[in-house]
Amino acid sequence: MSNYVKAVKGKSSRKLLSEYKRLSKAFWGRHIWARGYFAASTGNVTDEVVAEYIRLQQEMESTHDDDFTIGK
């Protein structure tokens, strides 16, 4: 894993644990982030297309109730 990814994970976990006390209780003695990470190239897809995809995924998440999905 790259040093950059390690730094981002380390700093973000410290910030999350300091700002959200319930997280520090839930993750006491454990790790927030997994060891690995995923990165992918978008090829010739524009930033706008990626942003729209993310927006649509967030909308889909709001329609999920645990394992139950409401289709469109």
PDB file of N, CA and C in Angstrom:
ATOM      1  N   MET A   1       0.862  -1.166   0.000  1.00  0.00           N
ATOM      2  CA  MET A   1       0.000   0.000   0.000  1.00  0.00           C
ATOM      3  C   MET A   1       0.908   1.229   0.000  1.00  0.00           C
ATOM      4  N   SER A   2       0.535   2.226  -0.760  1.00  0.00           N
ATOM      5  CA  SER A   2       1.377   3.418  -0.875  1.00  0.00           C
ATOM      6  C   SER A   2       1.373   4.224   0.421  1.00  0.00           C
ATOM      7  N   ASN A   3       2.436   4.971   0.632  1.00  0.00           N
ATOM      8  CA  ASN A   3       2.532   5.817   1.823  1.00  0.00           C
ATOM      9  C   ASN A   3       1.445   6.871   1.834  1.00  0.00           C
ATOM     10  N   TYR A   4       1.053   7.347   0.653  1.00  0.00           N
ATOM     11  CA  TYR A   4      -0.011   8.350   0.573  1.00  0.00           C
ATOM     12  C   TYR A   4      -1.325   7.791   1.112  1.00  0.00           C
ATOM     13  N   VAL A   5      -1.683   6.580   0.692  1.00  0.00           N
ATOM     14  CA  VAL A   5      -2.930   5.953   1.145  1.00  0.00           C
ATOM     15  C   VAL A   5      -2.868   5.718   2.650  1.00  0.00           C
ATOM     16  N   LYS A   6      -1.716   5.264   3.147  1.00  0.00           N
ATOM     17  CA  LYS A   6      -1.560   5.059   4.589  1.00  0.00           C
ATOM     18  C   LYS A   6      -1.763   6.366   5.349  1.00  0.00           C
ATOM     19  N   ALA A   7      -1.197   7.453   4.827  1.00  0.00           N
ATOM     20  CA  ALA A   7      -1.328   8.755   5.490  1.00  0.00           C
ATOM     21  C   ALA A   7      -2.777   9.221   5.506  1.00  0.00           C
ATOM     22  N   VAL A   8      -3.471   9.067   4.382  1.00  0.00           N
ATOM     23  CA  VAL A   8      -4.874   9.481   4.311  1.00  0.00           C
ATOM     24  C   VAL A   8      -5.725   8.668   5.285  1.00  0.00           C
ATOM     25  N   LYS A   9      -5.515   7.362   5.319  1.00  0.00           N
ATOM     26  CA  LYS A   9      -6.276   6.515   6.234  1.00  0.00           C
ATOM     27  C   LYS A   9      -5.970   6.864   7.685  1.00  0.00           C
ATOM     28  N   GLY A  10      -4.694   7.084   7.995  1.00  0.00           N
ATOM     29  CA  GLY A  10      -4.316   7.398   9.369  1.00  0.00           C
ATOM     30  C   GLY A  10      -4.900   8.716   9.842  1.00  0.00           C
ATOM     31  N   LYS A  11      -4.749   9.758   9.031  1.00  0.00           N
ATOM     32  CA  LYS A  11      -5.257  11.074   9.423  1.00  0.00           C
ATOM     33  C   LYS A  11      -6.777  11.101   9.485  1.00  0.00           C
ATOM     34  N   SER A  12      -7.425  10.449   8.524  1.00  0.00           N
ATOM     35  CA  SER A  12      -8.894  10.464   8.528  1.00  0.00           C
ATOM     36  C   SER A  12      -9.443   9.672   9.718  1.00  0.00           C
ATOM     37  N   SER A  13      -8.806   8.555  10.064  1.00  0.00           N
ATOM     38  CA  SER A  13      -9.309   7.787  11.208  1.00  0.00           C
ATOM     39  C   SER A  13      -9.113   8.557  12.506  1.00  0.00           C
ATOM     40  N   ARG A  14      -7.987   9.241  12.678  1.00  0.00           N
ATOM     41  CA  ARG A  14      -7.781  10.040  13.885  1.00  0.00           C
ATOM     42  C   ARG A  14      -8.821  11.147  13.988  1.00  0.00           C
ATOM     43  N   LYS A  15      -9.105  11.800  12.859  1.00  0.00           N
ATOM     44  CA  LYS A  15     -10.093  12.881  12.862  1.00  0.00           C
ATOM     45  C   LYS A  15     -11.488  12.338  13.187  1.00  0.00           C
ATOM     46  N   LEU A  16     -11.871  11.239  12.551  1.00  0.00           N
ATOM     47  CA  LEU A  16     -13.179  10.645  12.821  1.00  0.00           C
ATOM     48  C   LEU A  16     -13.320  10.238  14.284  1.00  0.00           C
ATOM     49  N   LEU A  17     -12.288   9.589  14.817  1.00  0.00           N
ATOM     50  CA  LEU A  17     -12.354   9.118  16.205  1.00  0.00           C
ATOM     51  C   LEU A  17     -12.385  10.275  17.192  1.00  0.00           C
ATOM     52  N   SER A  18     -11.721  11.378  16.861  1.00  0.00           N
ATOM     53  CA  SER A  18     -11.735  12.512  17.785  1.00  0.00           C
ATOM     54  C   SER A  18     -13.042  13.297  17.713  1.00  0.00           C
ATOM     55  N   GLU A  19     -13.672  13.327  16.551  1.00  0.00           N
ATOM     56  CA  GLU A  19     -14.902  14.102  16.394  1.00  0.00           C
ATOM     57  C   GLU A  19     -16.163  13.316  16.752  1.00  0.00           C
ATOM     58  N   TYR A  20     -16.126  12.012  16.619  1.00  0.00           N
ATOM     59  CA  TYR A  20     -17.307  11.184  16.870  1.00  0.00           C
ATOM     60  C   TYR A  20     -16.970  10.164  17.957  1.00  0.00           C
ATOM     61  N   LYS A  21     -17.277  10.523  19.184  1.00  0.00           N
ATOM     62  CA  LYS A  21     -16.905   9.694  20.333  1.00  0.00           C
ATOM     63  C   LYS A  21     -17.527   8.300  20.280  1.00  0.00           C
ATOM     64  N   ARG A  22     -18.723   8.182  19.685  1.00  0.00           N
ATOM     65  CA  ARG A  22     -19.330   6.846  19.616  1.00  0.00           C
ATOM     66  C   ARG A  22     -18.509   5.919  18.714  1.00  0.00           C
ATOM     67  N   LEU A  23     -17.820   6.491  17.718  1.00  0.00           N
ATOM     68  CA  LEU A  23     -16.942   5.663  16.880  1.00  0.00           C
ATOM     69  C   LEU A  23     -15.750   5.162  17.679  1.00  0.00           C
ATOM     70  N   SER A  24     -15.186   6.040  18.505  1.00  0.00           N
ATOM     71  CA  SER A  24     -14.014   5.601  19.274  1.00  0.00           C
ATOM     72  C   SER A  24     -14.402   4.502  20.255  1.00  0.00           C
ATOM     73  N   LYS A  25     -15.631   4.530  20.768  1.00  0.00           N
ATOM     74  CA  LYS A  25     -16.092   3.449  21.639  1.00  0.00           C
ATOM     75  C   LYS A  25     -16.306   2.162  20.837  1.00  0.00           C
ATOM     76  N   ALA A  26     -16.911   2.310  19.653  1.00  0.00           N
ATOM     77  CA  ALA A  26     -17.207   1.133  18.825  1.00  0.00           C
ATOM     78  C   ALA A  26     -15.940   0.484  18.269  1.00  0.00           C
ATOM     79  N   PHE A  27     -14.903   1.288  17.978  1.00  0.00           N
ATOM     80  CA  PHE A  27     -13.685   0.754  17.359  1.00  0.00           C
ATOM     81  C   PHE A  27     -12.511   0.696  18.328  1.00  0.00           C
ATOM     82  N   TRP A  28     -12.768   0.728  19.637  1.00  0.00           N
ATOM     83  CA  TRP A  28     -11.708   0.689  20.628  1.00  0.00           C
ATOM     84  C   TRP A  28     -10.845  -0.554  20.411  1.00  0.00           C
ATOM     85  N   GLY A  29      -9.551  -0.333  20.167  1.00  0.00           N
ATOM     86  CA  GLY A  29      -8.624  -1.437  19.968  1.00  0.00           C
ATOM     87  C   GLY A  29      -8.702  -2.096  18.610  1.00  0.00           C
ATOM     88  N   ARG A  30      -9.509  -1.540  17.716  1.00  0.00           N
ATOM     89  CA  ARG A  30      -9.654  -2.121  16.368  1.00  0.00           C
ATOM     90  C   ARG A  30      -9.319  -1.065  15.324  1.00  0.00           C
ATOM     91  N   HIS A  31      -9.281  -1.467  14.068  1.00  0.00           N
ATOM     92  CA  HIS A  31      -8.985  -0.568  12.964  1.00  0.00           C
ATOM     93  C   HIS A  31     -10.274  -0.140  12.275  1.00  0.00           C
ATOM     94  N   ILE A  32     -10.327   1.125  11.856  1.00  0.00           N
ATOM     95  CA  ILE A  32     -11.482   1.606  11.090  1.00  0.00           C
ATOM     96  C   ILE A  32     -11.370   1.152   9.641  1.00  0.00           C
ATOM     97  N   TRP A  33     -10.199   1.315   9.062  1.00  0.00           N
ATOM     98  CA  TRP A  33     -10.004   1.011   7.642  1.00  0.00           C
ATOM     99  C   TRP A  33      -9.382  -0.366   7.460  1.00  0.00           C
ATOM    100  N   ALA A  34      -9.742  -1.025   6.368  1.00  0.00           N
ATOM    101  CA  ALA A  34      -9.115  -2.294   6.007  1.00  0.00           C
ATOM    102  C   ALA A  34      -7.719  -2.018   5.442  1.00  0.00           C
ATOM    103  N   ARG A  35      -6.903  -3.047   5.324  1.00  0.00           N
ATOM    104  CA  ARG A  35      -5.542  -2.879   4.829  1.00  0.00           C
ATOM    105  C   ARG A  35      -5.488  -2.450   3.368  1.00  0.00           C
ATOM    106  N   GLY A  36      -6.361  -2.961   2.558  1.00  0.00           N
ATOM    107  CA  GLY A  36      -6.297  -2.705   1.130  1.00  0.00           C
ATOM    108  C   GLY A  36      -6.991  -1.421   0.722  1.00  0.00           C
ATOM    109  N   TYR A  37      -6.949  -1.152  -0.544  1.00  0.00           N
ATOM    110  CA  TYR A  37      -7.684  -0.034  -1.124  1.00  0.00           C
ATOM    111  C   TYR A  37      -7.938  -0.336  -2.587  1.00  0.00           C
ATOM    112  N   PHE A  38      -8.841   0.396  -3.183  1.00  0.00           N
ATOM    113  CA  PHE A  38      -9.198   0.187  -4.582  1.00  0.00           C
ATOM    114  C   PHE A  38      -9.015   1.489  -5.343  1.00  0.00           C
ATOM    115  N   ALA A  39      -8.387   1.406  -6.479  1.00  0.00           N
ATOM    116  CA  ALA A  39      -8.239   2.564  -7.360  1.00  0.00           C
ATOM    117  C   ALA A  39      -8.495   2.095  -8.781  1.00  0.00           C
ATOM    118  N   ALA A  40      -9.142   2.940  -9.561  1.00  0.00           N
ATOM    119  CA  ALA A  40      -9.434   2.574 -10.945  1.00  0.00           C
ATOM    120  C   ALA A  40      -9.323   3.792 -11.834  1.00  0.00           C
ATOM    121  N   SER A  41      -9.016   3.543 -13.069  1.00  0.00           N
ATOM    122  CA  SER A  41      -8.960   4.601 -14.066  1.00  0.00           C
ATOM    123  C   SER A  41     -10.330   4.727 -14.713  1.00  0.00           C
ATOM    124  N   THR A  42     -10.730   5.949 -15.024  1.00  0.00           N
ATOM    125  CA  THR A  42     -12.012   6.136 -15.680  1.00  0.00           C
ATOM    126  C   THR A  42     -11.863   6.264 -17.189  1.00  0.00           C
ATOM    127  N   GLY A  43     -10.656   6.133 -17.679  1.00  0.00           N
ATOM    128  CA  GLY A  43     -10.448   6.213 -19.125  1.00  0.00           C
ATOM    129  C   GLY A  43     -10.840   7.558 -19.672  1.00  0.00           C
ATOM    130  N   ASN A  44     -11.686   7.562 -20.688  1.00  0.00           N
ATOM    131  CA  ASN A  44     -12.075   8.821 -21.315  1.00  0.00           C
ATOM    132  C   ASN A  44     -13.414   9.342 -20.805  1.00  0.00           C
ATOM    133  N   VAL A  45     -13.837   8.896 -19.625  1.00  0.00           N
ATOM    134  CA  VAL A  45     -15.084   9.360 -19.022  1.00  0.00           C
ATOM    135  C   VAL A  45     -14.817  10.713 -18.364  1.00  0.00           C
ATOM    136  N   THR A  46     -15.722  11.644 -18.550  1.00  0.00           N
ATOM    137  CA  THR A  46     -15.528  12.986 -17.997  1.00  0.00           C
ATOM    138  C   THR A  46     -15.822  13.029 -16.500  1.00  0.00           C
ATOM    139  N   ASP A  47     -15.323  14.070 -15.851  1.00  0.00           N
ATOM    140  CA  ASP A  47     -15.596  14.261 -14.416  1.00  0.00           C
ATOM    141  C   ASP A  47     -17.096  14.392 -14.162  1.00  0.00           C
ATOM    142  N   GLU A  48     -17.807  15.008 -15.094  1.00  0.00           N
ATOM    143  CA  GLU A  48     -19.252  15.191 -14.933  1.00  0.00           C
ATOM    144  C   GLU A  48     -19.973  13.852 -14.924  1.00  0.00           C
ATOM    145  N   VAL A  49     -19.555  12.924 -15.776  1.00  0.00           N
ATOM    146  CA  VAL A  49     -20.174  11.600 -15.827  1.00  0.00           C
ATOM    147  C   VAL A  49     -19.913  10.855 -14.519  1.00  0.00           C
ATOM    148  N   VAL A  50     -18.701  10.945 -14.000  1.00  0.00           N
ATOM    149  CA  VAL A  50     -18.375  10.290 -12.730  1.00  0.00           C
ATOM    150  C   VAL A  50     -19.203  10.904 -11.604  1.00  0.00           C
ATOM    151  N   ALA A  51     -19.307  12.237 -11.563  1.00  0.00           N
ATOM    152  CA  ALA A  51     -20.085  12.909 -10.516  1.00  0.00           C
ATOM    153  C   ALA A  51     -21.554  12.502 -10.581  1.00  0.00           C
ATOM    154  N   GLU A  52     -22.106  12.383 -11.777  1.00  0.00           N
ATOM    155  CA  GLU A  52     -23.500  11.962 -11.943  1.00  0.00           C
ATOM    156  C   GLU A  52     -23.688  10.526 -11.460  1.00  0.00           C
ATOM    157  N   TYR A  53     -22.739   9.655 -11.770  1.00  0.00           N
ATOM    158  CA  TYR A  53     -22.807   8.264 -11.307  1.00  0.00           C
ATOM    159  C   TYR A  53     -22.824   8.210  -9.781  1.00  0.00           C
ATOM    160  N   ILE A  54     -21.938   8.988  -9.150  1.00  0.00           N
ATOM    161  CA  ILE A  54     -21.889   9.016  -7.688  1.00  0.00           C
ATOM    162  C   ILE A  54     -23.205   9.534  -7.121  1.00  0.00           C
ATOM    163  N   ARG A  55     -23.746  10.591  -7.715  1.00  0.00           N
ATOM    164  CA  ARG A  55     -25.015  11.146  -7.246  1.00  0.00           C
ATOM    165  C   ARG A  55     -26.118  10.100  -7.327  1.00  0.00           C
ATOM    166  N   LEU A  56     -26.174   9.370  -8.434  1.00  0.00           N
ATOM    167  CA  LEU A  56     -27.206   8.340  -8.606  1.00  0.00           C
ATOM    168  C   LEU A  56     -27.026   7.205  -7.604  1.00  0.00           C
ATOM    169  N   GLN A  57     -25.776   6.843  -7.296  1.00  0.00           N
ATOM    170  CA  GLN A  57     -25.528   5.801  -6.302  1.00  0.00           C
ATOM    171  C   GLN A  57     -26.015   6.249  -4.935  1.00  0.00           C
ATOM    172  N   GLN A  58     -25.797   7.516  -4.605  1.00  0.00           N
ATOM    173  CA  GLN A  58     -26.253   8.032  -3.318  1.00  0.00           C
ATOM    174  C   GLN A  58     -27.774   8.014  -3.247  1.00  0.00           C
ATOM    175  N   GLU A  59     -28.438   8.334  -4.345  1.00  0.00           N
ATOM    176  CA  GLU A  59     -29.900   8.264  -4.376  1.00  0.00           C
ATOM    177  C   GLU A  59     -30.371   6.832  -4.177  1.00  0.00           C
ATOM    178  N   MET A  60     -29.687   5.888  -4.813  1.00  0.00           N
ATOM    179  CA  MET A  60     -30.066   4.481  -4.672  1.00  0.00           C
ATOM    180  C   MET A  60     -29.880   4.018  -3.232  1.00  0.00           C
ATOM    181  N   GLU A  61     -28.808   4.456  -2.570  1.00  0.00           N
ATOM    182  CA  GLU A  61     -28.573   4.067  -1.183  1.00  0.00           C
ATOM    183  C   GLU A  61     -29.698   4.536  -0.282  1.00  0.00           C
ATOM    184  N   SER A  62     -30.264   5.701  -0.592  1.00  0.00           N
ATOM    185  CA  SER A  62     -31.330   6.229   0.256  1.00  0.00           C
ATOM    186  C   SER A  62     -32.629   5.440   0.102  1.00  0.00           C
ATOM    187  N   THR A  63     -32.743   4.617  -0.947  1.00  0.00           N
ATOM    188  CA  THR A  63     -33.941   3.801  -1.126  1.00  0.00           C
ATOM    189  C   THR A  63     -33.768   2.399  -0.553  1.00  0.00           C
ATOM    190  N   HIS A  64     -32.569   2.081  -0.021  1.00  0.00           N
ATOM    191  CA  HIS A  64     -32.317   0.760   0.542  1.00  0.00           C
ATOM    192  C   HIS A  64     -32.718   0.707   1.997  1.00  0.00           C
ATOM    193  N   ASP A  65     -33.305  -0.402   2.391  1.00  0.00           N
ATOM    194  CA  ASP A  65     -33.636  -0.665   3.789  1.00  0.00           C
ATOM    195  C   ASP A  65     -32.993  -1.986   4.137  1.00  0.00           C
ATOM    196  N   ASP A  66     -31.772  -1.933   4.677  1.00  0.00           N
ATOM    197  CA  ASP A  66     -30.949  -3.109   4.913  1.00  0.00           C
ATOM    198  C   ASP A  66     -30.761  -3.887   3.611  1.00  0.00           C
ATOM    199  N   ASP A  67     -31.302  -5.106   3.519  1.00  0.00           N
ATOM    200  CA  ASP A  67     -31.151  -5.904   2.307  1.00  0.00           C
ATOM    201  C   ASP A  67     -32.297  -5.711   1.325  1.00  0.00           C
ATOM    202  N   PHE A  68     -33.262  -4.894   1.683  1.00  0.00           N
ATOM    203  CA  PHE A  68     -34.430  -4.687   0.845  1.00  0.00           C
ATOM    204  C   PHE A  68     -34.206  -3.488  -0.063  1.00  0.00           C
ATOM    205  N   THR A  69     -34.425  -3.657  -1.366  1.00  0.00           N
ATOM    206  CA  THR A  69     -34.214  -2.584  -2.327  1.00  0.00           C
ATOM    207  C   THR A  69     -35.523  -2.242  -3.011  1.00  0.00           C
ATOM    208  N   ILE A  70     -35.793  -0.955  -3.124  1.00  0.00           N
ATOM    209  CA  ILE A  70     -36.968  -0.495  -3.853  1.00  0.00           C
ATOM    210  C   ILE A  70     -36.504  -0.123  -5.262  1.00  0.00           C
ATOM    211  N   GLY A  71     -36.980  -0.854  -6.260  1.00  0.00           N
ATOM    212  CA  GLY A  71     -36.566  -0.587  -7.636  1.00  0.00           C
ATOM    213  C   GLY A  71     -37.355   0.570  -8.245  1.00  0.00           C
ATOM    214  N   LYS A  72     -36.778   1.163  -9.277  1.00  0.00           N
ATOM    215  CA  LYS A  72     -37.449   2.269  -9.961  1.00  0.00           C
ATOM    216  C   LYS A  72     -38.171   1.775 -11.174  1.00  0.00           C
TER     217      LYS A  72
END
